[in-house]
C-alpha atoms as a PDB file:
ATOM      1  CA  MET A   1    -115.388   2.816  24.341  1.00  0.00           C
ATOM      2  CA  ALA A   2    -113.181   5.870  23.178  1.00  0.00           C
ATOM      3  CA  GLU A   3    -114.525   9.187  21.583  1.00  0.00           C
ATOM      4  CA  VAL A   4    -112.534  12.186  20.301  1.00  0.00           C
ATOM      5  CA  PRO A   5    -114.300  15.629  19.483  1.00  0.00           C
ATOM      6  CA  ALA A   6    -115.089  16.024  16.362  1.00  0.00           C
ATOM      7  CA  LYS A   7    -112.197  18.982  15.278  1.00  0.00           C
ATOM      8  CA  HIS A   8    -114.391  21.229  12.292  1.00  0.00           C
ATOM      9  CA  ALA A   9    -118.295  21.183  13.926  1.00  0.00           C
ATOM     10  CA  GLU A  10    -119.932  24.347  13.023  1.00  0.00           C
ATOM     11  CA  PRO A  11    -121.232  27.117  15.489  1.00  0.00           C
ATOM     12  CA  GLY A  12    -125.146  25.447  16.005  1.00  0.00           C
ATOM     13  CA  ALA A  13    -124.346  22.350  13.404  1.00  0.00           C
ATOM     14  CA  GLY A  14    -124.722  20.345  15.063  1.00  0.00           C
ATOM     15  CA  ALA A  15    -122.891  16.983  16.335  1.00  0.00           C
ATOM     16  CA  ALA A  16    -119.925  16.343  12.997  1.00  0.00           C
ATOM     17  CA  ALA A  17    -120.801  13.264  12.112  1.00  0.00           C
ATOM     18  CA  LEU A  18    -118.079   9.421  13.214  1.00  0.00           C
ATOM     19  CA  ILE A  19    -117.612   6.741  12.564  1.00  0.00           C
ATOM     20  CA  ASP A  20    -115.715   3.518  14.774  1.00  0.00           C
ATOM     21  CA  VAL A  21    -112.658   2.298  13.958  1.00  0.00           C
ATOM     22  CA  VAL A  22    -110.739  -0.571  16.313  1.00  0.00           C
ATOM     23  CA  VAL A  23    -107.308  -0.642  16.971  1.00  0.00           C
ATOM     24  CA  ALA A  24    -105.524  -4.257  17.777  1.00  0.00           C
ATOM     25  CA  TYR A  25    -102.080  -4.911  19.537  1.00  0.00           C
ATOM     26  CA  SER A  26    -100.222  -6.429  21.095  1.00  0.00           C
ATOM     27  CA  LEU A  27     -98.054  -5.815  24.811  1.00  0.00           C
ATOM     28  CA  LYS A  28     -96.248  -9.421  25.392  1.00  0.00           C
ATOM     29  CA  ALA A  29     -96.539 -12.423  22.566  1.00  0.00           C
ATOM     30  CA  GLY A  30     -99.982 -14.070  22.739  1.00  0.00           C
ATOM     31  CA  GLU A  31    -101.548 -11.087  24.501  1.00  0.00           C
ATOM     32  CA  MET A  32    -104.072  -9.582  21.942  1.00  0.00           C
ATOM     33  CA  CYS A  33    -106.188  -6.180  23.138  1.00  0.00           C
ATOM     34  CA  GLU A  34    -108.911  -4.196  21.480  1.00  0.00           C
ATOM     35  CA  VAL A  35    -109.998  -0.819  21.529  1.00  0.00           C
ATOM     36  CA  THR A  36    -112.697   0.155  19.586  1.00  0.00           C
ATOM     37  CA  VAL A  37    -113.092   4.036  19.550  1.00  0.00           C
ATOM     38  CA  ARG A  38    -115.319   6.724  18.209  1.00  0.00           C
ATOM     39  CA  VAL A  39    -113.668   8.801  15.647  1.00  0.00           C
ATOM     40  CA  PRO A  40    -114.538  12.317  12.902  1.00  0.00           C
ATOM     41  CA  VAL A  41    -115.167  10.365  10.015  1.00  0.00           C
ATOM     42  CA  ASP A  42    -111.599  12.564   9.110  1.00  0.00           C
ATOM     43  CA  VAL A  43    -109.138  10.825  10.900  1.00  0.00           C
ATOM     44  CA  THR A  44    -105.916   9.627  10.584  1.00  0.00           C
ATOM     45  CA  VAL A  45    -104.088   6.766  12.312  1.00  0.00           C
ATOM     46  CA  ALA A  46    -101.894   8.516  14.391  1.00  0.00           C
ATOM     47  CA  MET A  47    -105.160  10.691  15.520  1.00  0.00           C
ATOM     48  CA  ALA A  48    -106.900   6.782  15.994  1.00  0.00           C
ATOM     49  CA  LEU A  49    -103.767   5.775  17.957  1.00  0.00           C
ATOM     50  CA  GLN A  50    -103.834   8.815  19.642  1.00  0.00           C
ATOM     51  CA  ALA A  51    -107.580   8.464  21.035  1.00  0.00           C
ATOM     52  CA  ALA A  52    -106.697   4.556  22.042  1.00  0.00           C
ATOM     53  CA  GLN A  53    -103.873   6.007  23.869  1.00  0.00           C
ATOM     54  CA  LEU A  54    -101.194   4.827  22.392  1.00  0.00           C
ATOM     55  CA  SER A  55     -98.338   5.570  19.826  1.00  0.00           C
ATOM     56  CA  ALA A  56     -96.357   3.653  16.572  1.00  0.00           C
ATOM     57  CA  VAL A  57     -93.457   5.407  17.735  1.00  0.00           C
ATOM     58  CA  ASP A  58     -90.813   3.177  18.199  1.00  0.00           C
ATOM     59  CA  GLY A  59     -93.080   0.322  15.469  1.00  0.00           C
ATOM     60  CA  ALA A  60     -95.054  -0.245  12.598  1.00  0.00           C
ATOM     61  CA  CYS A  61     -98.732  -0.419  11.868  1.00  0.00           C
ATOM     62  CA  GLY A  62    -100.818  -0.564   8.810  1.00  0.00           C
ATOM     63  CA  ILE A  63    -104.939  -1.944   8.210  1.00  0.00           C
ATOM     64  CA  TRP A  64    -105.654  -5.454   8.910  1.00  0.00           C
ATOM     65  CA  GLY A  65    -102.775  -6.438   7.288  1.00  0.00           C
ATOM     66  CA  ARG A  66    -101.256  -3.771   5.773  1.00  0.00           C
ATOM     67  CA  VAL A  67     -98.829  -1.557   6.912  1.00  0.00           C
ATOM     68  CA  CYS A  68     -99.800   2.075   5.763  1.00  0.00           C
ATOM     69  CA  ALA A  69     -98.504   5.818   6.712  1.00  0.00           C
ATOM     70  CA  LEU A  70     -99.942   7.218  10.266  1.00  0.00           C
ATOM     71  CA  GLU A  71    -100.735  10.186   7.828  1.00  0.00           C
ATOM     72  CA  THR A  72    -103.573   7.283   6.171  1.00  0.00           C
ATOM     73  CA  ILE A  73    -107.136   8.206   6.337  1.00  0.00           C
ATOM     74  CA  LEU A  74    -109.494   5.702   8.099  1.00  0.00           C
ATOM     75  CA  GLN A  75    -113.091   5.018   7.014  1.00  0.00           C
ATOM     76  CA  PRO A  76    -115.734   2.698   9.167  1.00  0.00           C
ATOM     77  CA  GLY A  77    -114.726  -0.310  10.603  1.00  0.00           C
ATOM     78  CA  ASP A  78    -110.881  -0.253   9.324  1.00  0.00           C
ATOM     79  CA  ARG A  79    -108.754  -2.134  12.108  1.00  0.00           C
ATOM     80  CA  VAL A  80    -105.733  -0.075  12.981  1.00  0.00           C
ATOM     81  CA  GLU A  81    -102.700  -2.892  14.130  1.00  0.00           C
ATOM     82  CA  LEU A  82     -99.025  -1.957  15.642  1.00  0.00           C
ATOM     83  CA  TYR A  83     -96.703  -4.094  14.465  1.00  0.00           C
END
């Protein structure tokens, strides 16, 4: 599981809350890949893709089958999909 550091942690406050999201993509027809990433609670789709070492530059992306913007904030358990 990939993990990105929390960006708004206060000194001495401990770690910021993290959530798990799944990033799903296909490299070729008939082949599906999924990566679970642990990210801060205020993460965007773009940030989750970066945590999974992926990019949506060449195509659309969505959450659970619905196209969305890269700036969309994710919720725990969301599945980001590259189309």
